């Protein structure tokens, strides 16, 4: 069970100035959306507790989603039961599928309304689905507006506790240790050969020994391409760095910014754009390859299931 701020206070995360008063801060939707899912959950529960709701225990799911029940206006003649869910880390923004899945969960409880919190927002179709299922939708902007209606001393207290320490570094939903950044590129070995036969924009990073642009392909690469050899039978555009020879076959066209040890343009092939010969040293692309990484649990004493935790970065 996650009681409001219990986890943080027990860890010593309650910094105060010399007068014993928490240091204030400014809430923004961007800040709220950047919070660790556990910090966000504790913040949401604290807001509900401040509003006078009676809170039940929390259930943490393997994807970092969190669900808890509560009773709104418990001392009135008409208390209302509610089921609250914070979207999973890799679904920080809600889709129609995630809304429909939550609606099915809500239907399992009688006389209960659903509140779905998706910090990154809801798509238009997700909002439509929520209206159909009578699900209340809450995003980071709505939470920010709510926090600004609280008494200043309460809002400042929540801010200080929620943003202490590594507040954007996600927590493992299995063992509750902090996840660690893992560079994906360092774990992946470049494939020996990659054949591209697509048409349109190719939005994946390409690093391989041999790149083959198949006949009929008309592809534009979004990211820089790195290869040891390249054969072009179709049409390709982008930034190419080849540590060997580029061969352009009849009917093939290569356009963009190209760097290679050598190029062989056969009759009927065409080389366009900027070209330079690589001389000595290691291959250097025109454009820096995008940083690819994810969050993973490296707790050696962790629980079964820690190895399966894979969180995409939110920024």
C-alpha atoms as a PDB file:
ATOM      1  CA  UNK A   1       0.000   0.000   0.000  1.00  0.00           C
ATOM      2  CA  UNK A   2       1.275   3.456  -0.899  1.00  0.00           C
ATOM      3  CA  UNK A   3       0.175   5.920   1.754  1.00  0.00           C
ATOM      4  CA  UNK A   4       0.716   9.585   0.875  1.00  0.00           C
ATOM      5  CA  UNK A   5       4.452  10.297   1.099  1.00  0.00           C
ATOM      6  CA  UNK A   6       5.133   7.481   3.599  1.00  0.00           C
ATOM      7  CA  UNK A   7       7.696   5.893   1.287  1.00  0.00           C
ATOM      8  CA  UNK A   8       9.510   9.177   0.730  1.00  0.00           C
ATOM      9  CA  UNK A   9       9.499  10.307   4.341  1.00  0.00           C
ATOM     10  CA  UNK A  10      10.830   6.972   5.563  1.00  0.00           C
ATOM     11  CA  UNK A  11      13.667   7.352   3.063  1.00  0.00           C
ATOM     12  CA  UNK A  12      14.513  10.751   4.528  1.00  0.00           C
ATOM     13  CA  UNK A  13      13.165  12.745   1.583  1.00  0.00           C
ATOM     14  CA  UNK A  14      11.584  15.589   3.537  1.00  0.00           C
ATOM     15  CA  UNK A  15      14.091  18.435   3.221  1.00  0.00           C
ATOM     16  CA  UNK A  16      13.369  21.672   5.033  1.00  0.00           C
ATOM     17  CA  UNK A  17      15.162  24.943   5.391  1.00  0.00           C
ATOM     18  CA  UNK A  18      16.654  26.173   8.646  1.00  0.00           C
ATOM     19  CA  UNK A  19      13.272  27.441   9.834  1.00  0.00           C
ATOM     20  CA  UNK A  20      11.735  24.011   9.305  1.00  0.00           C
ATOM     21  CA  UNK A  21       9.523  25.185   6.422  1.00  0.00           C
ATOM     22  CA  UNK A  22       9.597  23.262   3.108  1.00  0.00           C
ATOM     23  CA  UNK A  23      11.047  25.197   0.197  1.00  0.00           C
ATOM     24  CA  UNK A  24       8.305  26.168  -2.289  1.00  0.00           C
ATOM     25  CA  UNK A  25       8.305  25.505  -6.018  1.00  0.00           C
ATOM     26  CA  UNK A  26       6.197  26.060  -9.105  1.00  0.00           C
ATOM     27  CA  UNK A  27       3.991  23.318 -10.527  1.00  0.00           C
ATOM     28  CA  UNK A  28       3.838  22.961 -14.306  1.00  0.00           C
ATOM     29  CA  UNK A  29       2.238  20.261 -16.485  1.00  0.00           C
ATOM     30  CA  UNK A  30       5.685  19.431 -17.877  1.00  0.00           C
ATOM     31  CA  UNK A  31       7.090  18.868 -14.399  1.00  0.00           C
ATOM     32  CA  UNK A  32       4.194  16.630 -13.388  1.00  0.00           C
ATOM     33  CA  UNK A  33       4.479  14.581 -16.586  1.00  0.00           C
ATOM     34  CA  UNK A  34       8.203  14.079 -15.914  1.00  0.00           C
ATOM     35  CA  UNK A  35       7.703  12.531 -12.463  1.00  0.00           C
ATOM     36  CA  UNK A  36       8.564   8.953 -11.631  1.00  0.00           C
ATOM     37  CA  UNK A  37       5.345   6.902 -11.650  1.00  0.00           C
ATOM     38  CA  UNK A  38       5.752   6.222  -7.925  1.00  0.00           C
ATOM     39  CA  UNK A  39       6.185   9.900  -7.077  1.00  0.00           C
ATOM     40  CA  UNK A  40       3.123  10.674  -9.174  1.00  0.00           C
ATOM     41  CA  UNK A  41       1.115   7.970  -7.407  1.00  0.00           C
ATOM     42  CA  UNK A  42       2.034   9.315  -3.984  1.00  0.00           C
ATOM     43  CA  UNK A  43       1.162  12.831  -5.131  1.00  0.00           C
ATOM     44  CA  UNK A  44      -2.245  11.747  -6.445  1.00  0.00           C
ATOM     45  CA  UNK A  45      -3.041   9.856  -3.246  1.00  0.00           C
ATOM     46  CA  UNK A  46      -1.967  12.851  -1.164  1.00  0.00           C
ATOM     47  CA  UNK A  47      -4.285  15.139  -3.152  1.00  0.00           C
ATOM     48  CA  UNK A  48      -7.174  12.717  -2.653  1.00  0.00           C
ATOM     49  CA  UNK A  49      -6.460  12.419   1.073  1.00  0.00           C
ATOM     50  CA  UNK A  50      -6.346  16.210   1.383  1.00  0.00           C
ATOM     51  CA  UNK A  51      -9.782  16.350  -0.284  1.00  0.00           C
ATOM     52  CA  UNK A  52     -11.161  14.118   2.476  1.00  0.00           C
ATOM     53  CA  UNK A  53     -11.381  10.874   0.520  1.00  0.00           C
ATOM     54  CA  UNK A  54     -10.958   7.526   2.246  1.00  0.00           C
ATOM     55  CA  UNK A  55      -8.225   5.610   0.421  1.00  0.00           C
ATOM     56  CA  UNK A  56      -7.851   1.872  -0.027  1.00  0.00           C
ATOM     57  CA  UNK A  57      -4.565   0.120  -0.737  1.00  0.00           C
ATOM     58  CA  UNK A  58      -2.707   0.484  -4.017  1.00  0.00           C
ATOM     59  CA  UNK A  59      -2.011  -2.274  -6.519  1.00  0.00           C
ATOM     60  CA  UNK A  60       1.140  -1.828  -8.609  1.00  0.00           C
ATOM     61  CA  UNK A  61       1.194  -3.547 -12.006  1.00  0.00           C
ATOM     62  CA  UNK A  62       4.332  -4.779 -13.823  1.00  0.00           C
ATOM     63  CA  UNK A  63       4.097  -1.957 -16.383  1.00  0.00           C
ATOM     64  CA  UNK A  64       4.232   0.728 -13.696  1.00  0.00           C
ATOM     65  CA  UNK A  65       0.484   1.342 -13.741  1.00  0.00           C
ATOM     66  CA  UNK A  66      -1.108   1.804 -10.337  1.00  0.00           C
ATOM     67  CA  UNK A  67      -4.701   1.227  -9.249  1.00  0.00           C
ATOM     68  CA  UNK A  68      -6.410   2.128  -5.999  1.00  0.00           C
ATOM     69  CA  UNK A  69      -9.930   2.523  -4.711  1.00  0.00           C
ATOM     70  CA  UNK A  70     -11.319   5.377  -2.683  1.00  0.00           C
ATOM     71  CA  UNK A  71     -14.561   6.734  -1.254  1.00  0.00           C
ATOM     72  CA  UNK A  72     -15.372  10.340  -2.058  1.00  0.00           C
ATOM     73  CA  UNK A  73     -17.318  12.415   0.485  1.00  0.00           C
ATOM     74  CA  UNK A  74     -17.352   9.510   2.970  1.00  0.00           C
ATOM     75  CA  UNK A  75     -19.052  11.495   5.751  1.00  0.00           C
ATOM     76  CA  UNK A  76     -22.018  12.616   3.651  1.00  0.00           C
ATOM     77  CA  UNK A  77     -25.311  10.855   3.058  1.00  0.00           C
ATOM     78  CA  UNK A  78     -24.238   9.955  -0.472  1.00  0.00           C
ATOM     79  CA  UNK A  79     -20.649   8.689  -0.504  1.00  0.00           C
ATOM     80  CA  UNK A  80     -19.286   7.739  -3.917  1.00  0.00           C
ATOM     81  CA  UNK A  81     -16.953   4.842  -4.637  1.00  0.00           C
ATOM     82  CA  UNK A  82     -14.259   5.442  -7.246  1.00  0.00           C
ATOM     83  CA  UNK A  83     -11.546   3.382  -8.895  1.00  0.00           C
ATOM     84  CA  UNK A  84      -8.443   5.391  -9.810  1.00  0.00           C
ATOM     85  CA  UNK A  85      -5.804   4.219 -12.273  1.00  0.00           C
ATOM     86  CA  UNK A  86      -2.548   5.870 -13.294  1.00  0.00           C
ATOM     87  CA  UNK A  87      -1.479   4.747 -16.764  1.00  0.00           C
ATOM     88  CA  UNK A  88       1.555   2.505 -17.197  1.00  0.00           C
ATOM     89  CA  UNK A  89       4.934   4.086 -17.895  1.00  0.00           C
ATOM     90  CA  UNK A  90       5.004   3.064 -21.558  1.00  0.00           C
ATOM     91  CA  UNK A  91       1.408   4.299 -21.963  1.00  0.00           C
ATOM     92  CA  UNK A  92       1.881   7.699 -20.294  1.00  0.00           C
ATOM     93  CA  UNK A  93      -0.573   9.045 -22.843  1.00  0.00           C
ATOM     94  CA  UNK A  94      -3.941   7.275 -23.060  1.00  0.00           C
ATOM     95  CA  UNK A  95      -5.238   5.556 -26.191  1.00  0.00           C
ATOM     96  CA  UNK A  96      -8.754   4.211 -26.882  1.00  0.00           C
ATOM     97  CA  UNK A  97      -7.450   0.722 -26.074  1.00  0.00           C
ATOM     98  CA  UNK A  98      -6.167   1.737 -22.640  1.00  0.00           C
ATOM     99  CA  UNK A  99      -9.430   3.566 -21.881  1.00  0.00           C
ATOM    100  CA  UNK A 100     -11.537   0.569 -22.918  1.00  0.00           C
ATOM    101  CA  UNK A 101      -9.376  -1.769 -20.838  1.00  0.00           C
ATOM    102  CA  UNK A 102      -9.852   0.419 -17.772  1.00  0.00           C
ATOM    103  CA  UNK A 103     -13.601   0.642 -18.425  1.00  0.00           C
ATOM    104  CA  UNK A 104     -13.788  -3.153 -18.225  1.00  0.00           C
ATOM    105  CA  UNK A 105     -11.984  -3.025 -14.875  1.00  0.00           C
ATOM    106  CA  UNK A 106     -14.438  -0.437 -13.553  1.00  0.00           C
ATOM    107  CA  UNK A 107     -17.428  -2.553 -14.590  1.00  0.00           C
ATOM    108  CA  UNK A 108     -16.258  -5.348 -12.294  1.00  0.00           C
ATOM    109  CA  UNK A 109     -17.029  -3.104  -9.290  1.00  0.00           C
ATOM    110  CA  UNK A 110     -20.643  -2.141  -8.629  1.00  0.00           C
ATOM    111  CA  UNK A 111     -21.680   1.491  -8.169  1.00  0.00           C
ATOM    112  CA  UNK A 112     -18.149   2.710  -8.844  1.00  0.00           C
ATOM    113  CA  UNK A 113     -16.993   5.473 -11.131  1.00  0.00           C
ATOM    114  CA  UNK A 114     -13.643   5.395 -12.925  1.00  0.00           C
ATOM    115  CA  UNK A 115     -10.892   8.013 -12.935  1.00  0.00           C
ATOM    116  CA  UNK A 116      -8.060   7.472 -15.423  1.00  0.00           C
ATOM    117  CA  UNK A 117      -4.897   9.539 -15.009  1.00  0.00           C
ATOM    118  CA  UNK A 118      -2.665   9.787 -18.083  1.00  0.00           C
ATOM    119  CA  UNK A 119      -0.043  12.510 -17.519  1.00  0.00           C
ATOM    120  CA  UNK A 120       0.858  12.853 -21.210  1.00  0.00           C
ATOM    121  CA  UNK A 121      -2.780  13.370 -22.164  1.00  0.00           C
ATOM    122  CA  UNK A 122      -5.476  11.622 -24.184  1.00  0.00           C
ATOM    123  CA  UNK A 123      -5.926  11.261 -27.908  1.00  0.00           C
ATOM    124  CA  UNK A 124      -9.168  12.591 -29.380  1.00  0.00           C
ATOM    125  CA  UNK A 125     -10.504   9.066 -29.837  1.00  0.00           C
ATOM    126  CA  UNK A 126      -9.457   8.177 -26.280  1.00  0.00           C
ATOM    127  CA  UNK A 127     -11.492  11.116 -24.968  1.00  0.00           C
ATOM    128  CA  UNK A 128     -14.468   9.937 -27.005  1.00  0.00           C
ATOM    129  CA  UNK A 129     -14.150   6.436 -25.549  1.00  0.00           C
ATOM    130  CA  UNK A 130     -13.893   7.885 -22.044  1.00  0.00           C
ATOM    131  CA  UNK A 131     -17.096   9.867 -22.551  1.00  0.00           C
ATOM    132  CA  UNK A 132     -18.896   6.772 -23.804  1.00  0.00           C
ATOM    133  CA  UNK A 133     -17.820   4.799 -20.722  1.00  0.00           C
ATOM    134  CA  UNK A 134     -18.282   7.754 -18.344  1.00  0.00           C
ATOM    135  CA  UNK A 135     -14.635   7.660 -17.334  1.00  0.00           C
ATOM    136  CA  UNK A 136     -13.213  10.857 -15.846  1.00  0.00           C
ATOM    137  CA  UNK A 137      -9.987  11.816 -17.618  1.00  0.00           C
ATOM    138  CA  UNK A 138      -7.125  13.567 -15.836  1.00  0.00           C
ATOM    139  CA  UNK A 139      -3.867  14.665 -17.448  1.00  0.00           C
ATOM    140  CA  UNK A 140      -0.862  16.627 -16.179  1.00  0.00           C
ATOM    141  CA  UNK A 141      -2.516  19.961 -16.979  1.00  0.00           C
ATOM    142  CA  UNK A 142      -5.589  19.037 -14.924  1.00  0.00           C
ATOM    143  CA  UNK A 143      -3.425  17.940 -11.987  1.00  0.00           C
ATOM    144  CA  UNK A 144      -1.459  21.178 -12.226  1.00  0.00           C
ATOM    145  CA  UNK A 145      -4.644  23.251 -12.118  1.00  0.00           C
ATOM    146  CA  UNK A 146      -5.872  21.282  -9.109  1.00  0.00           C
ATOM    147  CA  UNK A 147      -2.593  21.728  -7.228  1.00  0.00           C
ATOM    148  CA  UNK A 148      -2.754  25.482  -7.765  1.00  0.00           C
ATOM    149  CA  UNK A 149      -6.133  25.593  -5.988  1.00  0.00           C
ATOM    150  CA  UNK A 150      -4.661  24.107  -2.808  1.00  0.00           C
ATOM    151  CA  UNK A 151      -3.548  26.301   0.092  1.00  0.00           C
ATOM    152  CA  UNK A 152      -0.028  27.551  -0.719  1.00  0.00           C
ATOM    153  CA  UNK A 153       1.572  25.809   2.249  1.00  0.00           C
ATOM    154  CA  UNK A 154       0.026  22.469   1.239  1.00  0.00           C
ATOM    155  CA  UNK A 155       0.971  22.854  -2.431  1.00  0.00           C
ATOM    156  CA  UNK A 156       4.531  23.812  -1.464  1.00  0.00           C
ATOM    157  CA  UNK A 157       4.799  20.793   0.835  1.00  0.00           C
ATOM    158  CA  UNK A 158       3.645  18.462  -1.925  1.00  0.00           C
ATOM    159  CA  UNK A 159       6.096  20.069  -4.353  1.00  0.00           C
ATOM    160  CA  UNK A 160       9.077  19.770  -2.030  1.00  0.00           C
ATOM    161  CA  UNK A 161       8.494  16.116  -1.259  1.00  0.00           C
ATOM    162  CA  UNK A 162       7.570  15.078  -4.797  1.00  0.00           C
ATOM    163  CA  UNK A 163      10.642  16.698  -6.381  1.00  0.00           C
ATOM    164  CA  UNK A 164      13.320  15.643  -3.909  1.00  0.00           C
ATOM    165  CA  UNK A 165      16.162  13.484  -5.189  1.00  0.00           C
ATOM    166  CA  UNK A 166      16.001  11.631  -8.514  1.00  0.00           C
ATOM    167  CA  UNK A 167      12.311  12.373  -8.983  1.00  0.00           C
ATOM    168  CA  UNK A 168      12.288  11.747 -12.753  1.00  0.00           C
ATOM    169  CA  UNK A 169      14.152   8.425 -12.576  1.00  0.00           C
ATOM    170  CA  UNK A 170      11.515   5.676 -12.667  1.00  0.00           C
ATOM    171  CA  UNK A 171      11.149   3.001 -10.018  1.00  0.00           C
ATOM    172  CA  UNK A 172      11.046  -0.718 -10.742  1.00  0.00           C
ATOM    173  CA  UNK A 173       7.414  -1.791 -10.266  1.00  0.00           C
ATOM    174  CA  UNK A 174       8.563  -5.226  -9.095  1.00  0.00           C
ATOM    175  CA  UNK A 175      11.249  -4.571  -6.448  1.00  0.00           C
ATOM    176  CA  UNK A 176      10.729  -0.775  -6.033  1.00  0.00           C
ATOM    177  CA  UNK A 177      14.430  -0.022  -6.600  1.00  0.00           C
ATOM    178  CA  UNK A 178      15.398   2.781  -8.961  1.00  0.00           C
ATOM    179  CA  UNK A 179      15.771   1.702 -12.586  1.00  0.00           C
ATOM    180  CA  UNK A 180      19.041   2.311 -14.398  1.00  0.00           C
ATOM    181  CA  UNK A 181      19.684   3.697 -17.849  1.00  0.00           C
ATOM    182  CA  UNK A 182      20.817   1.087 -20.378  1.00  0.00           C
ATOM    183  CA  UNK A 183      22.277   2.100 -23.737  1.00  0.00           C
ATOM    184  CA  UNK A 184      20.465  -0.017 -26.305  1.00  0.00           C
ATOM    185  CA  UNK A 185      23.044   0.507 -29.046  1.00  0.00           C
ATOM    186  CA  UNK A 186      25.765  -0.994 -26.881  1.00  0.00           C
ATOM    187  CA  UNK A 187      23.781  -4.220 -26.491  1.00  0.00           C
ATOM    188  CA  UNK A 188      22.928  -4.737 -30.129  1.00  0.00           C
ATOM    189  CA  UNK A 189      25.237  -6.278 -32.720  1.00  0.00           C
ATOM    190  CA  UNK A 190      24.871  -4.898 -36.206  1.00  0.00           C
ATOM    191  CA  UNK A 191      23.207  -7.421 -38.551  1.00  0.00           C
ATOM    192  CA  UNK A 192      25.358  -8.856 -41.336  1.00  0.00           C
ATOM    193  CA  UNK A 193      22.923  -7.855 -44.075  1.00  0.00           C
ATOM    194  CA  UNK A 194      19.828  -5.677 -44.210  1.00  0.00           C
ATOM    195  CA  UNK A 195      17.521  -5.486 -47.215  1.00  0.00           C
ATOM    196  CA  UNK A 196      15.309  -2.415 -47.595  1.00  0.00           C
ATOM    197  CA  UNK A 197      12.360  -2.690 -49.963  1.00  0.00           C
ATOM    198  CA  UNK A 198      10.150  -0.014 -48.388  1.00  0.00           C
ATOM    199  CA  UNK A 199       8.464   2.958 -50.010  1.00  0.00           C
ATOM    200  CA  UNK A 200       8.304   6.251 -48.132  1.00  0.00           C
ATOM    201  CA  UNK A 201       9.984   7.368 -44.913  1.00  0.00           C
ATOM    202  CA  UNK A 202      12.111   4.803 -43.042  1.00  0.00           C
ATOM    203  CA  UNK A 203      12.200   5.832 -39.369  1.00  0.00           C
ATOM    204  CA  UNK A 204      14.517   3.132 -37.972  1.00  0.00           C
ATOM    205  CA  UNK A 205      18.259   3.412 -37.358  1.00  0.00           C
ATOM    206  CA  UNK A 206      20.284   1.335 -39.822  1.00  0.00           C
ATOM    207  CA  UNK A 207      23.725  -0.056 -38.930  1.00  0.00           C
ATOM    208  CA  UNK A 208      24.868  -3.191 -40.757  1.00  0.00           C
ATOM    209  CA  UNK A 209      27.662  -4.895 -42.693  1.00  0.00           C
ATOM    210  CA  UNK A 210      25.831  -4.861 -46.042  1.00  0.00           C
ATOM    211  CA  UNK A 211      22.877  -2.651 -46.921  1.00  0.00           C
ATOM    212  CA  UNK A 212      20.855  -3.673 -49.970  1.00  0.00           C
ATOM    213  CA  UNK A 213      18.344  -1.208 -51.443  1.00  0.00           C
ATOM    214  CA  UNK A 214      16.107  -3.609 -53.340  1.00  0.00           C
ATOM    215  CA  UNK A 215      14.695  -2.980 -56.830  1.00  0.00           C
ATOM    216  CA  UNK A 216      11.457  -1.011 -56.604  1.00  0.00           C
ATOM    217  CA  UNK A 217      12.329   0.570 -53.257  1.00  0.00           C
ATOM    218  CA  UNK A 218      11.795   4.325 -52.928  1.00  0.00           C
ATOM    219  CA  UNK A 219      12.935   5.099 -49.417  1.00  0.00           C
ATOM    220  CA  UNK A 220      13.999   8.177 -47.492  1.00  0.00           C
ATOM    221  CA  UNK A 221      15.990   7.468 -44.316  1.00  0.00           C
ATOM    222  CA  UNK A 222      15.123   9.629 -41.323  1.00  0.00           C
ATOM    223  CA  UNK A 223      18.343   8.799 -39.441  1.00  0.00           C
ATOM    224  CA  UNK A 224      21.953   8.510 -40.651  1.00  0.00           C
ATOM    225  CA  UNK A 225      22.847   5.147 -42.192  1.00  0.00           C
ATOM    226  CA  UNK A 226      26.094   3.345 -41.303  1.00  0.00           C
ATOM    227  CA  UNK A 227      27.258   0.326 -43.278  1.00  0.00           C
ATOM    228  CA  UNK A 228      30.429  -1.431 -44.403  1.00  0.00           C
ATOM    229  CA  UNK A 229      29.153  -1.986 -47.946  1.00  0.00           C
ATOM    230  CA  UNK A 230      26.098  -0.858 -49.862  1.00  0.00           C
ATOM    231  CA  UNK A 231      24.297  -1.986 -52.990  1.00  0.00           C
ATOM    232  CA  UNK A 232      21.647   0.261 -54.538  1.00  0.00           C
ATOM    233  CA  UNK A 233      19.115  -1.178 -56.981  1.00  0.00           C
ATOM    234  CA  UNK A 234      16.197   1.094 -56.054  1.00  0.00           C
ATOM    235  CA  UNK A 235      15.978   4.728 -54.981  1.00  0.00           C
ATOM    236  CA  UNK A 236      17.333   5.916 -51.612  1.00  0.00           C
ATOM    237  CA  UNK A 237      17.731   9.341 -50.022  1.00  0.00           C
ATOM    238  CA  UNK A 238      19.428  10.250 -46.747  1.00  0.00           C
ATOM    239  CA  UNK A 239      22.762  10.559 -44.947  1.00  0.00           C
ATOM    240  CA  UNK A 240      25.013   7.577 -45.733  1.00  0.00           C
ATOM    241  CA  UNK A 241      28.394   6.609 -44.303  1.00  0.00           C
ATOM    242  CA  UNK A 242      29.973   3.530 -45.868  1.00  0.00           C
ATOM    243  CA  UNK A 243      33.269   2.095 -44.627  1.00  0.00           C
ATOM    244  CA  UNK A 244      33.678   0.242 -47.926  1.00  0.00           C
ATOM    245  CA  UNK A 245      32.275   0.458 -51.443  1.00  0.00           C
ATOM    246  CA  UNK A 246      28.886   1.737 -52.562  1.00  0.00           C
ATOM    247  CA  UNK A 247      27.707   0.038 -55.744  1.00  0.00           C
ATOM    248  CA  UNK A 248      24.854   1.654 -57.654  1.00  0.00           C
ATOM    249  CA  UNK A 249      23.270  -0.818 -60.057  1.00  0.00           C
ATOM    250  CA  UNK A 250      21.383  -0.005 -63.261  1.00  0.00           C
ATOM    251  CA  UNK A 251      18.132   1.728 -62.312  1.00  0.00           C
ATOM    252  CA  UNK A 252      19.432   2.626 -58.864  1.00  0.00           C
ATOM    253  CA  UNK A 253      19.616   6.170 -57.508  1.00  0.00           C
ATOM    254  CA  UNK A 254      21.383   7.382 -54.374  1.00  0.00           C
ATOM    255  CA  UNK A 255      20.717  10.932 -53.208  1.00  0.00           C
ATOM    256  CA  UNK A 256      21.592  13.013 -50.148  1.00  0.00           C
ATOM    257  CA  UNK A 257      24.894  13.284 -48.304  1.00  0.00           C
ATOM    258  CA  UNK A 258      27.174  10.334 -48.969  1.00  0.00           C
ATOM    259  CA  UNK A 259      30.567   9.406 -47.542  1.00  0.00           C
ATOM    260  CA  UNK A 260      32.341   6.195 -48.625  1.00  0.00           C
ATOM    261  CA  UNK A 261      35.767   4.665 -49.217  1.00  0.00           C
ATOM    262  CA  UNK A 262      34.827   4.211 -52.868  1.00  0.00           C
ATOM    263  CA  UNK A 263      31.811   4.287 -55.144  1.00  0.00           C
ATOM    264  CA  UNK A 264      31.029   2.226 -58.230  1.00  0.00           C
ATOM    265  CA  UNK A 265      28.254   3.622 -60.436  1.00  0.00           C
ATOM    266  CA  UNK A 266      27.265   1.114 -63.101  1.00  0.00           C
ATOM    267  CA  UNK A 267      25.677   2.117 -66.390  1.00  0.00           C
ATOM    268  CA  UNK A 268      22.101   3.183 -65.740  1.00  0.00           C
ATOM    269  CA  UNK A 269      22.802   4.061 -62.102  1.00  0.00           C
ATOM    270  CA  UNK A 270      22.908   7.587 -60.712  1.00  0.00           C
ATOM    271  CA  UNK A 271      24.682   9.282 -57.795  1.00  0.00           C
ATOM    272  CA  UNK A 272      23.256  12.608 -56.659  1.00  0.00           C
ATOM    273  CA  UNK A 273      23.751  15.005 -53.775  1.00  0.00           C
ATOM    274  CA  UNK A 274      26.960  15.646 -51.834  1.00  0.00           C
ATOM    275  CA  UNK A 275      29.703  13.035 -51.940  1.00  0.00           C
ATOM    276  CA  UNK A 276      33.091  12.731 -50.272  1.00  0.00           C
ATOM    277  CA  UNK A 277      35.730  10.006 -50.083  1.00  0.00           C
ATOM    278  CA  UNK A 278      36.596   8.617 -46.653  1.00  0.00           C
ATOM    279  CA  UNK A 279      40.346   8.428 -46.129  1.00  0.00           C
ATOM    280  CA  UNK A 280      41.845   6.551 -43.174  1.00  0.00           C
ATOM    281  CA  UNK A 281      40.564   6.550 -39.612  1.00  0.00           C
ATOM    282  CA  UNK A 282      37.213   5.318 -38.466  1.00  0.00           C
ATOM    283  CA  UNK A 283      33.956   5.962 -40.227  1.00  0.00           C
ATOM    284  CA  UNK A 284      32.421   9.318 -39.316  1.00  0.00           C
ATOM    285  CA  UNK A 285      28.783   9.979 -40.238  1.00  0.00           C
ATOM    286  CA  UNK A 286      27.613  13.418 -41.343  1.00  0.00           C
ATOM    287  CA  UNK A 287      25.019  13.493 -38.581  1.00  0.00           C
ATOM    288  CA  UNK A 288      25.297  12.182 -35.029  1.00  0.00           C
ATOM    289  CA  UNK A 289      23.391   8.952 -34.557  1.00  0.00           C
ATOM    290  CA  UNK A 290      20.411   9.405 -32.221  1.00  0.00           C
ATOM    291  CA  UNK A 291      20.862   8.279 -28.640  1.00  0.00           C
ATOM    292  CA  UNK A 292      18.978   5.021 -28.066  1.00  0.00           C
ATOM    293  CA  UNK A 293      18.436   3.764 -24.536  1.00  0.00           C
ATOM    294  CA  UNK A 294      15.855   2.513 -22.049  1.00  0.00           C
ATOM    295  CA  UNK A 295      15.289   2.050 -18.321  1.00  0.00           C
ATOM    296  CA  UNK A 296      15.944  -1.393 -16.867  1.00  0.00           C
ATOM    297  CA  UNK A 297      16.212  -2.958 -13.407  1.00  0.00           C
ATOM    298  CA  UNK A 298      19.775  -3.847 -12.424  1.00  0.00           C
ATOM    299  CA  UNK A 299      18.985  -4.898  -8.862  1.00  0.00           C
ATOM    300  CA  UNK A 300      21.034  -8.062  -8.379  1.00  0.00           C
ATOM    301  CA  UNK A 301      18.949  -8.936  -5.338  1.00  0.00           C
ATOM    302  CA  UNK A 302      15.705  -8.143  -7.120  1.00  0.00           C
ATOM    303  CA  UNK A 303      12.613 -10.269  -7.405  1.00  0.00           C
ATOM    304  CA  UNK A 304      11.436 -12.556 -10.156  1.00  0.00           C
ATOM    305  CA  UNK A 305      10.110 -10.320 -12.898  1.00  0.00           C
ATOM    306  CA  UNK A 306      12.693  -7.544 -12.534  1.00  0.00           C
ATOM    307  CA  UNK A 307      14.499  -8.737 -15.653  1.00  0.00           C
ATOM    308  CA  UNK A 308      11.368  -8.151 -17.719  1.00  0.00           C
ATOM    309  CA  UNK A 309      11.048  -4.468 -16.804  1.00  0.00           C
ATOM    310  CA  UNK A 310      11.661  -2.331 -19.898  1.00  0.00           C
ATOM    311  CA  UNK A 311      10.668   1.340 -19.710  1.00  0.00           C
ATOM    312  CA  UNK A 312      11.052   3.693 -22.652  1.00  0.00           C
ATOM    313  CA  UNK A 313      12.393   7.189 -21.888  1.00  0.00           C
ATOM    314  CA  UNK A 314       9.729   9.890 -21.716  1.00  0.00           C
ATOM    315  CA  UNK A 315      12.027  12.550 -23.148  1.00  0.00           C
END
